[in-house]
Amino acid sequence: MKNQTRVIGIDPGSRNTGYAILDTDGFRHQHVASGHLVIQGETLADKLGVIFHEVCALINEWQPEVMAIEQVFMNKNADSALKLGQARGAAICAAVNAQLPVGEYTPRAIKKAVVGTGGADKQQVQKMMKLLLNLDYLPQSDAADALAIAMCHANHLHIQSGGMVRGVRRGRWV
């Protein structure tokens, strides 16, 4: 693909953090890598350190130009929302440390962008990521969510630039 941008998508979590790397020209998206990190640690601080270091390692390995991440949503459990927010913060700090611009999207906006409805369930997201990226396997749910986040951001970049993704280099548009 010409004029492509590499996007890292992060689905943060204090137990599992999904990640995805996509190359995109804003219209076509190519799967590069995806998976999930199993976050282990004795304390929440230990887990946040793992998220930060692992996301830094992914950024270093894959050299993305932008990061996309899911926004915190308030569920019934405020403690879970706080932990999710802290996991997001650790991942965002890794992006800021690498001078990457960060796009943030609500779960509804992500699902609407890739499935067509904001109320899609996890299985629908997994199936759409398999279909849209022509994968020969069904991605694990956290990885599929990260793929959807990256694709949502790639679509947003395409629209924002009037149909062409502008190149991004280490924190600034070129």
N, C-alpha and C. Protein backbone atom coordinates (compact mmCIF):
# COMPACT_ATOMS: atom_id res chain seq x y z
N MET A 1 0.84 -1.18 0.00
CA MET A 1 0.00 0.00 0.00
C MET A 1 0.88 1.24 0.00
N LYS A 2 0.52 2.21 -0.81
CA LYS A 2 1.24 3.48 -0.84
C LYS A 2 0.69 4.40 0.23
N ASN A 3 1.53 5.32 0.68
CA ASN A 3 1.12 6.30 1.68
C ASN A 3 0.40 5.67 2.86
N GLN A 4 0.98 4.66 3.42
CA GLN A 4 0.33 3.97 4.51
C GLN A 4 0.76 4.51 5.86
N THR A 5 -0.09 4.32 6.82
CA THR A 5 0.15 4.69 8.20
C THR A 5 0.05 3.42 9.03
N ARG A 6 0.95 3.25 9.97
CA ARG A 6 0.89 2.10 10.87
C ARG A 6 0.21 2.55 12.16
N VAL A 7 -0.85 1.84 12.53
CA VAL A 7 -1.66 2.16 13.70
C VAL A 7 -1.54 1.03 14.71
N ILE A 8 -1.33 1.39 15.98
CA ILE A 8 -1.44 0.40 17.05
C ILE A 8 -2.75 0.67 17.78
N GLY A 9 -3.54 -0.37 17.93
CA GLY A 9 -4.79 -0.29 18.68
C GLY A 9 -4.62 -1.01 20.00
N ILE A 10 -5.11 -0.42 21.06
CA ILE A 10 -4.99 -1.00 22.40
C ILE A 10 -6.37 -1.10 23.04
N ASP A 11 -6.69 -2.32 23.49
CA ASP A 11 -7.90 -2.56 24.28
C ASP A 11 -7.41 -2.80 25.71
N PRO A 12 -7.41 -1.74 26.54
CA PRO A 12 -6.78 -1.85 27.86
C PRO A 12 -7.59 -2.68 28.84
N GLY A 13 -6.87 -3.31 29.74
CA GLY A 13 -7.49 -4.06 30.82
C GLY A 13 -6.44 -4.39 31.86
N SER A 14 -6.85 -4.53 33.11
CA SER A 14 -5.89 -4.82 34.17
C SER A 14 -5.56 -6.31 34.26
N ARG A 15 -6.31 -7.15 33.54
CA ARG A 15 -6.00 -8.59 33.48
C ARG A 15 -5.50 -9.00 32.10
N ASN A 16 -6.17 -8.52 31.06
CA ASN A 16 -5.78 -8.78 29.68
C ASN A 16 -5.83 -7.47 28.92
N THR A 17 -4.80 -7.21 28.16
CA THR A 17 -4.75 -6.02 27.31
C THR A 17 -4.56 -6.48 25.88
N GLY A 18 -5.55 -6.17 25.03
CA GLY A 18 -5.45 -6.53 23.63
C GLY A 18 -4.63 -5.51 22.86
N TYR A 19 -3.92 -6.00 21.84
CA TYR A 19 -3.17 -5.09 20.98
C TYR A 19 -3.33 -5.51 19.53
N ALA A 20 -3.16 -4.55 18.64
CA ALA A 20 -3.25 -4.82 17.21
C ALA A 20 -2.39 -3.82 16.46
N ILE A 21 -1.77 -4.29 15.41
CA ILE A 21 -1.00 -3.44 14.52
C ILE A 21 -1.62 -3.57 13.13
N LEU A 22 -2.02 -2.43 12.56
CA LEU A 22 -2.58 -2.39 11.20
C LEU A 22 -1.78 -1.40 10.36
N ASP A 23 -1.56 -1.75 9.12
CA ASP A 23 -1.08 -0.80 8.12
C ASP A 23 -2.29 -0.40 7.31
N THR A 24 -2.45 0.90 7.08
CA THR A 24 -3.63 1.38 6.38
C THR A 24 -3.28 2.55 5.46
N ASP A 25 -3.97 2.61 4.35
CA ASP A 25 -3.90 3.80 3.50
C ASP A 25 -5.18 4.61 3.69
N GLY A 26 -5.97 4.22 4.67
CA GLY A 26 -7.22 4.91 4.96
C GLY A 26 -8.42 4.24 4.33
N PHE A 27 -8.17 3.42 3.33
CA PHE A 27 -9.24 2.71 2.64
C PHE A 27 -9.06 1.21 2.82
N ARG A 28 -7.85 0.75 2.61
CA ARG A 28 -7.53 -0.67 2.81
C ARG A 28 -6.72 -0.80 4.09
N HIS A 29 -7.01 -1.88 4.84
CA HIS A 29 -6.34 -2.14 6.10
C HIS A 29 -5.67 -3.50 6.02
N GLN A 30 -4.41 -3.56 6.40
CA GLN A 30 -3.67 -4.82 6.37
C GLN A 30 -3.27 -5.19 7.79
N HIS A 31 -3.65 -6.40 8.19
CA HIS A 31 -3.27 -6.92 9.50
C HIS A 31 -1.77 -7.18 9.52
N VAL A 32 -1.09 -6.67 10.53
CA VAL A 32 0.34 -6.90 10.71
C VAL A 32 0.56 -7.85 11.87
N ALA A 33 -0.07 -7.55 13.02
CA ALA A 33 0.08 -8.38 14.21
C ALA A 33 -1.08 -8.08 15.16
N SER A 34 -1.40 -9.04 16.00
CA SER A 34 -2.39 -8.81 17.05
C SER A 34 -2.26 -9.91 18.09
N GLY A 35 -2.79 -9.63 19.24
CA GLY A 35 -2.75 -10.61 20.33
C GLY A 35 -3.23 -9.96 21.61
N HIS A 36 -2.93 -10.61 22.71
CA HIS A 36 -3.28 -10.02 23.99
C HIS A 36 -2.18 -10.31 24.99
N LEU A 37 -2.02 -9.38 25.90
CA LEU A 37 -1.05 -9.50 26.97
C LEU A 37 -1.79 -9.96 28.22
N VAL A 38 -1.29 -11.00 28.85
CA VAL A 38 -1.85 -11.44 30.13
C VAL A 38 -1.08 -10.67 31.20
N ILE A 39 -1.79 -9.82 31.92
CA ILE A 39 -1.16 -8.91 32.87
C ILE A 39 -1.09 -9.58 34.24
N GLN A 40 0.13 -9.76 34.71
CA GLN A 40 0.33 -10.38 36.02
C GLN A 40 1.08 -9.43 36.92
N GLY A 41 0.78 -9.50 38.20
CA GLY A 41 1.45 -8.68 39.19
C GLY A 41 0.74 -8.83 40.52
N GLU A 42 1.47 -8.58 41.57
CA GLU A 42 0.90 -8.70 42.93
C GLU A 42 -0.07 -7.56 43.23
N THR A 43 0.29 -6.36 42.80
CA THR A 43 -0.52 -5.18 43.12
C THR A 43 -0.98 -4.52 41.81
N LEU A 44 -1.90 -3.60 41.94
CA LEU A 44 -2.34 -2.84 40.77
C LEU A 44 -1.16 -2.06 40.19
N ALA A 45 -0.32 -1.50 41.04
CA ALA A 45 0.84 -0.76 40.57
C ALA A 45 1.76 -1.66 39.74
N ASP A 46 1.96 -2.90 40.20
CA ASP A 46 2.77 -3.86 39.43
C ASP A 46 2.15 -4.11 38.06
N LYS A 47 0.83 -4.28 38.02
CA LYS A 47 0.13 -4.54 36.76
C LYS A 47 0.23 -3.35 35.82
N LEU A 48 0.10 -2.14 36.35
CA LEU A 48 0.21 -0.95 35.52
C LEU A 48 1.62 -0.82 34.94
N GLY A 49 2.62 -1.18 35.74
CA GLY A 49 4.00 -1.18 35.24
C GLY A 49 4.19 -2.17 34.11
N VAL A 50 3.55 -3.34 34.23
CA VAL A 50 3.63 -4.35 33.16
C VAL A 50 3.00 -3.81 31.88
N ILE A 51 1.82 -3.20 32.01
CA ILE A 51 1.14 -2.64 30.84
C ILE A 51 2.04 -1.60 30.17
N PHE A 52 2.58 -0.68 30.95
CA PHE A 52 3.45 0.36 30.39
C PHE A 52 4.64 -0.26 29.66
N HIS A 53 5.34 -1.17 30.30
CA HIS A 53 6.55 -1.75 29.69
C HIS A 53 6.22 -2.61 28.47
N GLU A 54 5.13 -3.36 28.52
CA GLU A 54 4.76 -4.21 27.38
C GLU A 54 4.30 -3.38 26.18
N VAL A 55 3.55 -2.32 26.44
CA VAL A 55 3.12 -1.46 25.33
C VAL A 55 4.33 -0.72 24.76
N CYS A 56 5.25 -0.29 25.62
CA CYS A 56 6.51 0.31 25.12
C CYS A 56 7.25 -0.68 24.22
N ALA A 57 7.30 -1.94 24.62
CA ALA A 57 7.99 -2.97 23.82
C ALA A 57 7.29 -3.17 22.48
N LEU A 58 5.96 -3.18 22.46
CA LEU A 58 5.21 -3.30 21.20
C LEU A 58 5.49 -2.12 20.29
N ILE A 59 5.50 -0.92 20.86
CA ILE A 59 5.78 0.28 20.07
C ILE A 59 7.20 0.21 19.49
N ASN A 60 8.14 -0.21 20.32
CA ASN A 60 9.52 -0.32 19.86
C ASN A 60 9.66 -1.37 18.75
N GLU A 61 8.97 -2.49 18.90
CA GLU A 61 9.08 -3.57 17.91
C GLU A 61 8.40 -3.21 16.59
N TRP A 62 7.19 -2.66 16.63
CA TRP A 62 6.39 -2.47 15.42
C TRP A 62 6.44 -1.06 14.85
N GLN A 63 6.96 -0.10 15.60
CA GLN A 63 7.14 1.28 15.12
C GLN A 63 5.86 1.91 14.53
N PRO A 64 4.75 1.88 15.28
CA PRO A 64 3.54 2.54 14.77
C PRO A 64 3.72 4.05 14.75
N GLU A 65 2.87 4.70 13.98
CA GLU A 65 2.92 6.15 13.86
C GLU A 65 1.84 6.84 14.69
N VAL A 66 0.80 6.09 15.05
CA VAL A 66 -0.29 6.60 15.88
C VAL A 66 -0.81 5.48 16.75
N MET A 67 -1.44 5.87 17.86
CA MET A 67 -2.10 4.90 18.74
C MET A 67 -3.58 5.23 18.83
N ALA A 68 -4.40 4.20 18.89
CA ALA A 68 -5.83 4.35 19.16
C ALA A 68 -6.15 3.51 20.38
N ILE A 69 -7.01 4.02 21.23
CA ILE A 69 -7.34 3.33 22.47
C ILE A 69 -8.81 3.56 22.81
N GLU A 70 -9.38 2.59 23.49
CA GLU A 70 -10.78 2.69 23.89
C GLU A 70 -10.91 3.61 25.10
N GLN A 71 -11.95 4.44 25.09
CA GLN A 71 -12.24 5.30 26.23
C GLN A 71 -12.88 4.49 27.34
N VAL A 72 -12.78 5.00 28.54
CA VAL A 72 -13.41 4.37 29.70
C VAL A 72 -14.91 4.56 29.59
N PHE A 73 -15.64 3.52 29.90
CA PHE A 73 -17.09 3.64 29.99
C PHE A 73 -17.49 3.28 31.41
N MET A 74 -18.51 3.93 31.92
CA MET A 74 -18.95 3.66 33.28
C MET A 74 -19.96 2.54 33.26
N ASN A 75 -19.62 1.49 33.93
CA ASN A 75 -20.51 0.35 34.07
C ASN A 75 -21.11 0.40 35.47
N LYS A 76 -21.67 -0.69 35.90
CA LYS A 76 -22.27 -0.75 37.24
C LYS A 76 -21.22 -0.70 38.33
N ASN A 77 -19.99 -1.16 38.03
CA ASN A 77 -18.96 -1.27 39.04
C ASN A 77 -17.94 -0.14 38.87
N ALA A 78 -17.99 0.83 39.77
CA ALA A 78 -17.08 1.99 39.69
C ALA A 78 -15.63 1.55 39.87
N ASP A 79 -15.37 0.55 40.70
CA ASP A 79 -14.00 0.09 40.92
C ASP A 79 -13.39 -0.46 39.63
N SER A 80 -14.19 -1.20 38.87
CA SER A 80 -13.71 -1.72 37.58
C SER A 80 -13.41 -0.59 36.61
N ALA A 81 -14.26 0.42 36.59
CA ALA A 81 -14.04 1.57 35.70
C ALA A 81 -12.76 2.31 36.08
N LEU A 82 -12.50 2.44 37.38
CA LEU A 82 -11.27 3.09 37.83
C LEU A 82 -10.04 2.30 37.40
N LYS A 83 -10.08 0.98 37.56
CA LYS A 83 -8.94 0.14 37.16
C LYS A 83 -8.72 0.22 35.65
N LEU A 84 -9.82 0.21 34.89
CA LEU A 84 -9.71 0.34 33.44
C LEU A 84 -9.08 1.68 33.07
N GLY A 85 -9.50 2.73 33.75
CA GLY A 85 -8.93 4.05 33.50
C GLY A 85 -7.44 4.09 33.79
N GLN A 86 -7.03 3.42 34.84
CA GLN A 86 -5.60 3.38 35.16
C GLN A 86 -4.82 2.56 34.15
N ALA A 87 -5.40 1.47 33.66
CA ALA A 87 -4.75 0.66 32.62
C ALA A 87 -4.61 1.48 31.34
N ARG A 88 -5.65 2.23 31.01
CA ARG A 88 -5.59 3.14 29.85
C ARG A 88 -4.46 4.14 30.02
N GLY A 89 -4.37 4.71 31.22
CA GLY A 89 -3.34 5.70 31.50
C GLY A 89 -1.94 5.15 31.30
N ALA A 90 -1.71 3.92 31.74
CA ALA A 90 -0.39 3.29 31.57
C ALA A 90 -0.08 3.12 30.08
N ALA A 91 -1.06 2.69 29.29
CA ALA A 91 -0.85 2.51 27.85
C ALA A 91 -0.65 3.85 27.15
N ILE A 92 -1.43 4.86 27.54
CA ILE A 92 -1.29 6.18 26.94
C ILE A 92 0.08 6.77 27.27
N CYS A 93 0.55 6.55 28.49
CA CYS A 93 1.89 7.04 28.86
C CYS A 93 2.96 6.41 27.98
N ALA A 94 2.80 5.14 27.62
CA ALA A 94 3.75 4.49 26.71
C ALA A 94 3.74 5.18 25.36
N ALA A 95 2.56 5.56 24.86
CA ALA A 95 2.46 6.27 23.58
C ALA A 95 3.08 7.65 23.67
N VAL A 96 2.78 8.37 24.74
CA VAL A 96 3.33 9.71 24.93
C VAL A 96 4.86 9.63 25.04
N ASN A 97 5.35 8.61 25.74
CA ASN A 97 6.78 8.39 25.88
C ASN A 97 7.45 8.23 24.51
N ALA A 98 6.74 7.63 23.55
CA ALA A 98 7.25 7.43 22.19
C ALA A 98 6.84 8.57 21.25
N GLN A 99 6.21 9.59 21.79
CA GLN A 99 5.75 10.77 21.03
C GLN A 99 4.74 10.41 19.95
N LEU A 100 3.86 9.45 20.26
CA LEU A 100 2.80 9.07 19.32
C LEU A 100 1.53 9.87 19.62
N PRO A 101 0.86 10.37 18.59
CA PRO A 101 -0.48 10.93 18.80
C PRO A 101 -1.44 9.81 19.20
N VAL A 102 -2.42 10.14 20.03
CA VAL A 102 -3.35 9.14 20.54
C VAL A 102 -4.78 9.54 20.18
N GLY A 103 -5.51 8.61 19.55
CA GLY A 103 -6.94 8.79 19.29
C GLY A 103 -7.73 7.95 20.27
N GLU A 104 -8.80 8.51 20.81
CA GLU A 104 -9.62 7.82 21.80
C GLU A 104 -11.05 7.71 21.29
N TYR A 105 -11.64 6.52 21.46
CA TYR A 105 -12.97 6.25 20.92
C TYR A 105 -13.80 5.50 21.94
N THR A 106 -15.10 5.81 21.96
CA THR A 106 -16.01 5.09 22.85
C THR A 106 -16.25 3.68 22.31
N PRO A 107 -16.59 2.74 23.18
CA PRO A 107 -16.91 1.39 22.70
C PRO A 107 -18.01 1.40 21.63
N ARG A 108 -19.02 2.24 21.80
CA ARG A 108 -20.12 2.32 20.82
C ARG A 108 -19.63 2.79 19.46
N ALA A 109 -18.77 3.82 19.46
CA ALA A 109 -18.25 4.35 18.19
C ALA A 109 -17.40 3.31 17.47
N ILE A 110 -16.63 2.55 18.23
CA ILE A 110 -15.77 1.51 17.64
C ILE A 110 -16.63 0.44 17.00
N LYS A 111 -17.62 -0.05 17.74
CA LYS A 111 -18.49 -1.11 17.21
C LYS A 111 -19.28 -0.62 16.00
N LYS A 112 -19.75 0.61 16.06
CA LYS A 112 -20.49 1.16 14.93
C LYS A 112 -19.60 1.26 13.69
N ALA A 113 -18.34 1.64 13.89
CA ALA A 113 -17.41 1.80 12.76
C ALA A 113 -17.09 0.49 12.06
N VAL A 114 -17.04 -0.61 12.82
CA VAL A 114 -16.61 -1.87 12.20
C VAL A 114 -17.73 -2.89 12.01
N VAL A 115 -18.79 -2.79 12.78
CA VAL A 115 -19.88 -3.75 12.66
C VAL A 115 -21.12 -3.10 12.05
N GLY A 116 -21.28 -1.80 12.29
CA GLY A 116 -22.44 -1.09 11.76
C GLY A 116 -23.46 -0.77 12.82
N THR A 117 -23.27 -1.31 14.01
CA THR A 117 -24.17 -1.01 15.11
C THR A 117 -23.36 -0.89 16.40
N GLY A 118 -23.67 0.13 17.19
CA GLY A 118 -22.96 0.36 18.44
C GLY A 118 -23.25 -0.66 19.51
N GLY A 119 -24.28 -1.46 19.30
CA GLY A 119 -24.66 -2.47 20.29
C GLY A 119 -24.15 -3.87 19.97
N ALA A 120 -23.18 -3.97 19.08
CA ALA A 120 -22.65 -5.30 18.69
C ALA A 120 -22.02 -6.00 19.88
N ASP A 121 -22.11 -7.34 19.87
CA ASP A 121 -21.47 -8.10 20.94
C ASP A 121 -20.06 -8.52 20.52
N LYS A 122 -19.33 -9.12 21.46
CA LYS A 122 -17.93 -9.49 21.22
C LYS A 122 -17.78 -10.46 20.05
N GLN A 123 -18.71 -11.40 19.92
CA GLN A 123 -18.62 -12.38 18.83
C GLN A 123 -18.79 -11.70 17.47
N GLN A 124 -19.67 -10.71 17.39
CA GLN A 124 -19.86 -9.99 16.14
C GLN A 124 -18.59 -9.22 15.76
N VAL A 125 -17.93 -8.63 16.74
CA VAL A 125 -16.68 -7.91 16.48
C VAL A 125 -15.61 -8.89 15.99
N GLN A 126 -15.51 -10.03 16.65
CA GLN A 126 -14.52 -11.05 16.24
C GLN A 126 -14.77 -11.49 14.80
N LYS A 127 -16.01 -11.78 14.47
CA LYS A 127 -16.33 -12.24 13.11
C LYS A 127 -16.06 -11.15 12.06
N MET A 128 -16.38 -9.91 12.39
CA MET A 128 -16.13 -8.83 11.43
C MET A 128 -14.64 -8.59 11.22
N MET A 129 -13.85 -8.71 12.28
CA MET A 129 -12.41 -8.53 12.12
C MET A 129 -11.82 -9.65 11.25
N LYS A 130 -12.31 -10.86 11.44
CA LYS A 130 -11.87 -11.97 10.60
C LYS A 130 -12.22 -11.69 9.14
N LEU A 131 -13.44 -11.25 8.90
CA LEU A 131 -13.93 -10.98 7.55
C LEU A 131 -13.23 -9.77 6.91
N LEU A 132 -13.20 -8.65 7.61
CA LEU A 132 -12.65 -7.42 7.04
C LEU A 132 -11.15 -7.48 6.79
N LEU A 133 -10.44 -8.25 7.63
CA LEU A 133 -8.99 -8.34 7.49
C LEU A 133 -8.55 -9.63 6.79
N ASN A 134 -9.54 -10.41 6.33
CA ASN A 134 -9.27 -11.65 5.61
C ASN A 134 -8.35 -12.58 6.40
N LEU A 135 -8.65 -12.72 7.70
CA LEU A 135 -7.87 -13.60 8.57
C LEU A 135 -8.34 -15.03 8.39
N ASP A 136 -7.46 -15.99 8.56
CA ASP A 136 -7.86 -17.39 8.45
C ASP A 136 -8.19 -18.00 9.81
N TYR A 137 -8.37 -17.15 10.81
CA TYR A 137 -8.72 -17.60 12.15
C TYR A 137 -9.59 -16.52 12.80
N LEU A 138 -10.31 -16.92 13.82
CA LEU A 138 -11.12 -15.99 14.60
C LEU A 138 -10.21 -15.41 15.69
N PRO A 139 -9.96 -14.10 15.69
CA PRO A 139 -9.06 -13.55 16.69
C PRO A 139 -9.64 -13.64 18.10
N GLN A 140 -8.78 -13.81 19.08
CA GLN A 140 -9.17 -13.81 20.49
C GLN A 140 -9.91 -12.50 20.76
N SER A 141 -10.83 -12.47 21.70
CA SER A 141 -11.73 -11.32 21.87
C SER A 141 -11.01 -10.01 22.18
N ASP A 142 -9.99 -10.01 23.05
CA ASP A 142 -9.27 -8.77 23.34
C ASP A 142 -8.49 -8.30 22.12
N ALA A 143 -7.91 -9.24 21.37
CA ALA A 143 -7.19 -8.89 20.13
C ALA A 143 -8.17 -8.35 19.09
N ALA A 144 -9.35 -8.96 18.98
CA ALA A 144 -10.36 -8.48 18.03
C ALA A 144 -10.80 -7.07 18.38
N ASP A 145 -10.98 -6.80 19.67
CA ASP A 145 -11.35 -5.45 20.10
C ASP A 145 -10.25 -4.45 19.73
N ALA A 146 -8.99 -4.84 19.93
CA ALA A 146 -7.87 -3.95 19.58
C ALA A 146 -7.82 -3.72 18.07
N LEU A 147 -8.08 -4.76 17.29
CA LEU A 147 -8.14 -4.61 15.83
C LEU A 147 -9.25 -3.63 15.45
N ALA A 148 -10.40 -3.75 16.10
CA ALA A 148 -11.52 -2.85 15.82
C ALA A 148 -11.17 -1.41 16.19
N ILE A 149 -10.48 -1.22 17.29
CA ILE A 149 -10.06 0.12 17.72
C ILE A 149 -9.11 0.71 16.69
N ALA A 150 -8.13 -0.07 16.24
CA ALA A 150 -7.18 0.41 15.24
C ALA A 150 -7.89 0.74 13.93
N MET A 151 -8.83 -0.10 13.52
CA MET A 151 -9.55 0.14 12.27
C MET A 151 -10.45 1.37 12.38
N CYS A 152 -11.09 1.55 13.51
CA CYS A 152 -11.91 2.74 13.75
C CYS A 152 -11.05 3.99 13.59
N HIS A 153 -9.86 3.98 14.16
CA HIS A 153 -8.97 5.14 14.06
C HIS A 153 -8.50 5.34 12.62
N ALA A 154 -8.18 4.25 11.93
CA ALA A 154 -7.76 4.36 10.53
C ALA A 154 -8.87 4.99 9.69
N ASN A 155 -10.11 4.58 9.93
CA ASN A 155 -11.25 5.17 9.21
C ASN A 155 -11.39 6.64 9.56
N HIS A 156 -11.20 6.98 10.82
CA HIS A 156 -11.29 8.37 11.27
C HIS A 156 -10.22 9.22 10.58
N LEU A 157 -8.99 8.71 10.50
CA LEU A 157 -7.91 9.43 9.82
C LEU A 157 -8.26 9.67 8.36
N HIS A 158 -8.85 8.66 7.74
CA HIS A 158 -9.24 8.76 6.33
C HIS A 158 -10.27 9.88 6.14
N ILE A 159 -11.27 9.91 6.97
CA ILE A 159 -12.32 10.93 6.88
C ILE A 159 -11.76 12.30 7.21
N GLN A 160 -10.96 12.36 8.27
CA GLN A 160 -10.39 13.63 8.73
C GLN A 160 -9.52 14.28 7.66
N SER A 161 -8.84 13.47 6.85
CA SER A 161 -7.91 14.00 5.87
C SER A 161 -8.58 14.22 4.51
N GLY A 162 -9.90 14.07 4.45
CA GLY A 162 -10.60 14.29 3.19
C GLY A 162 -10.39 13.16 2.20
N GLY A 163 -10.17 11.96 2.70
CA GLY A 163 -10.05 10.81 1.81
C GLY A 163 -8.64 10.29 1.65
N MET A 164 -7.67 10.98 2.20
CA MET A 164 -6.29 10.50 2.12
C MET A 164 -5.68 10.56 3.51
N VAL A 165 -5.06 9.48 3.93
CA VAL A 165 -4.38 9.49 5.22
C VAL A 165 -3.07 10.24 5.04
N ARG A 166 -2.91 11.26 5.84
CA ARG A 166 -1.65 11.99 5.83
C ARG A 166 -0.64 11.21 6.62
N GLY A 167 0.60 11.32 6.24
CA GLY A 167 1.65 10.65 6.99
C GLY A 167 1.81 11.26 8.37
N VAL A 168 2.14 10.44 9.32
CA VAL A 168 2.37 10.91 10.67
C VAL A 168 3.77 10.43 11.06
N ARG A 169 4.55 11.29 11.61
CA ARG A 169 5.87 10.90 12.06
C ARG A 169 6.07 11.40 13.48
N ARG A 170 6.18 10.48 14.39
CA ARG A 170 6.53 10.73 15.77
C ARG A 170 5.91 11.99 16.37
N GLY A 171 4.61 11.98 16.43
CA GLY A 171 3.91 13.01 17.19
C GLY A 171 3.47 14.23 16.40
N ARG A 172 3.73 14.29 15.11
CA ARG A 172 3.27 15.45 14.36
C ARG A 172 2.83 15.03 12.95
N TRP A 173 1.85 15.76 12.43
CA TRP A 173 1.37 15.48 11.09
C TRP A 173 2.36 16.06 10.10
N VAL A 174 2.58 15.35 8.99
CA VAL A 174 3.44 15.87 7.93
C VAL A 174 2.66 15.97 6.64
